[in-house]
Amino acid sequence: MPKDDQLDPDKIKANLKTKRIGRKILVYSSTSSTNDIAAEYAKNKKNDGLAIFAEEQTAGRGRAGTKWHSGRADCILCSIVLTDCKLNPELLSLTCAVAVADGLGKIGGTEAKIKWPNDIILNGKKVAGILLESKIDNDGNTYIIGIGINCHQRQDSFPVELQPIATSIDIESHSIADRVSLAKRLLTSLDHWLEVAEKNSNKVTDQWRKLSIQLNHRVALIFNGTKFAGNCIGIDPERGLILQLDTGGLRFFDAAHTTILK
């Protein structure tokens, strides 16, 4: 059985040295989706940096309408409110992926890697995912950063179809994760990389290149309903993934309209 690592706002807040992210922290026992709650708080500009956690989601969702599977207290389920974000969506997406991977660091001797646009990989399997939702209004850009990190699942905890491609911190570390400590690392890493991105986006793209599992590899994807394939040669902080197409020429693919094929 996992040790008692119940998410508690006071424990997460204790000695948290962030400037922006996690200035206020809420923890729900159960909710349909932390992103939905965050969207309500995002209506008030003063809630910039708010972090919302839940022990359980009854309607958690991933990218492109997929379902996020998790048992109670098995994961870090978190949404961050950004009510005054100066980053464009592509750079913010890169920054979030770098921050989550960097926050996880090495687990069981294996470094967390990035599968563009929103998956974090350990030992070739997905351990975390990111769902970025935006609301553009006259007062600037408002974003909700949804993050799910698998912590206490066993391999047979996942649906059968996900068992070959999903993993958890416990599985990879051969130990039991402390979700409170992990939540602190996540908020600290997000706070750091968001500040870096606003000052020097090249540092974010450089770190993405170090952590990418797709760079210099062949990638197949669907963009606006059309299939493309080619060699991934880089990332652009404004235009997205860069492929040297099999058919010749270079093309950019933004995260919002692209789905990576297996």
Foldseek 3Di string as FASTA:
>chain_A
DFDPQPDDLVLLPVPQDFDFASPDEEEAAEEQAQLVVLVVVLVDQVQANYKYWYQYHNNYAAPPGHGDDDDGNQKTKMKGKHNAAPADPLLLQLLLQLLLQVLVQDALNFGWFDEPRFFIDTPQAGFKGWDKDWDQDPVHIIIMIIMIGGFHDDLVSDPPVRSVHHDHSCVSNVHHDNVSSSSSSSRNSSSVSSVVCVVPSVVSQVSNVVRYPQAQHKWWKAFQRDIWIAHFPGADSHFGTWGQTPVGDIDTGGRNGMDTDD
